Protein backbone atom coordinates (compact mmCIF):
# COMPACT_ATOMS: atom_id res chain seq x y z
CA UNK A 1 -28.36 23.90 -11.55
CA UNK A 2 -26.88 20.63 -12.97
CA UNK A 3 -24.17 20.98 -16.40
CA UNK A 4 -25.45 20.96 -20.63
CA UNK A 5 -23.94 18.74 -22.78
CA UNK A 6 -25.46 17.67 -26.24
CA UNK A 7 -27.33 14.23 -27.13
CA UNK A 8 -24.01 12.56 -28.79
CA UNK A 9 -21.93 13.22 -25.44
CA UNK A 10 -24.79 10.81 -24.16
CA UNK A 11 -23.52 8.07 -26.54
CA UNK A 12 -20.25 9.34 -26.77
CA UNK A 13 -18.61 10.17 -22.62
CA UNK A 14 -21.57 8.27 -21.12
CA UNK A 15 -18.93 6.89 -18.62
CA UNK A 16 -18.17 10.83 -17.97
CA UNK A 17 -21.02 11.48 -17.64
CA UNK A 18 -21.93 8.42 -15.37
CA UNK A 19 -18.68 10.12 -13.07
CA UNK A 20 -20.63 13.73 -13.41
CA UNK A 21 -23.73 12.59 -11.73
CA UNK A 22 -22.38 9.83 -9.73
CA UNK A 23 -19.62 12.13 -7.83
CA UNK A 24 -21.63 15.08 -8.00
CA UNK A 25 -25.11 14.03 -7.55
CA UNK A 26 -26.27 16.07 -10.11
CA UNK A 27 -28.45 16.06 -12.95
CA UNK A 28 -26.71 16.50 -16.21
CA UNK A 29 -29.26 17.87 -18.60
CA UNK A 30 -29.03 16.96 -22.17
CA UNK A 31 -29.53 18.08 -25.03
CA UNK A 32 -31.39 18.03 -28.51
CA UNK A 33 -30.82 20.18 -30.64
CA UNK A 34 -29.40 22.75 -28.29
CA UNK A 35 -32.88 22.78 -26.03
CA UNK A 36 -33.14 20.58 -23.12
CA UNK A 37 -34.32 17.24 -23.84
CA UNK A 38 -33.56 14.97 -20.85
CA UNK A 39 -31.88 14.74 -17.19
CA UNK A 40 -30.38 12.11 -16.37
CA UNK A 41 -28.85 11.67 -12.34
CA UNK A 42 -27.30 9.60 -10.32
CA UNK A 43 -29.70 6.38 -9.23
CA UNK A 44 -28.86 7.14 -5.07
CA UNK A 45 -30.18 10.26 -5.95
CA UNK A 46 -33.09 10.23 -7.48
CA UNK A 47 -33.86 7.48 -4.76
CA UNK A 48 -33.11 10.17 -2.37
CA UNK A 49 -35.41 12.55 -4.16
CA UNK A 50 -38.03 10.02 -4.43
CA UNK A 51 -38.21 9.14 -0.67
CA UNK A 52 -38.28 13.08 -0.36
CA UNK A 53 -41.11 14.01 -3.22
CA UNK A 54 -43.41 10.70 -1.19
CA UNK A 55 -42.35 12.61 2.18
CA UNK A 56 -43.58 16.09 1.29
CA UNK A 57 -46.80 13.78 -0.21
CA UNK A 58 -46.97 12.44 3.32
CA UNK A 59 -47.11 16.57 4.41
CA UNK A 60 -49.28 18.08 2.58
CA UNK A 61 -51.85 15.19 3.08
CA UNK A 62 -51.64 15.80 7.06
CA UNK A 63 -51.63 19.46 6.40
CA UNK A 64 -54.49 19.11 5.39
CA UNK A 65 -56.41 16.96 7.81
CA UNK A 66 -55.48 19.02 10.10
CA UNK A 67 -56.97 21.83 8.01
CA UNK A 68 -60.18 19.51 7.59
CA UNK A 69 -60.34 19.10 11.40
CA UNK A 70 -59.60 15.12 10.72
CA UNK A 71 -56.92 14.74 13.54
CA UNK A 72 -56.83 11.83 16.83
CA UNK A 73 -55.33 12.63 19.83
CA UNK A 74 -52.01 12.17 20.21
CA UNK A 75 -52.04 9.15 21.81
CA UNK A 76 -54.07 7.32 19.60
CA UNK A 77 -51.91 8.51 16.65
CA UNK A 78 -48.84 7.29 18.45
CA UNK A 79 -49.97 3.38 19.54
CA UNK A 80 -51.12 3.63 15.66
CA UNK A 81 -47.74 4.45 14.02
CA UNK A 82 -46.98 1.51 16.50
CA UNK A 83 -49.30 -0.83 15.43
CA UNK A 84 -47.88 0.09 12.52
CA UNK A 85 -43.55 -0.76 12.68
CA UNK A 86 -44.89 -4.05 14.34
CA UNK A 87 -46.60 -5.42 11.72
CA UNK A 88 -44.33 -3.91 9.28
CA UNK A 89 -41.50 -5.83 10.87
CA UNK A 90 -43.36 -9.13 10.84
């Protein structure tokens, strides 16, 4: 779920909040006047979340391709992947 802290803590106890984020890899939710306002997240956890979301988007697109019968033989698909990886290495 994460930890909930008032906005004043972000200013007055930033190091403590950053430590919590780094150690738990969970967000700290900041409130203003008792209402949720902001989430603070460790940078590594943020990048991981971004990568996971990109993977989920890619899988959703692939699922839609299958449903719409936009598919190719496995050999062609893997050859395309190999070529893409070779281009990325350069």
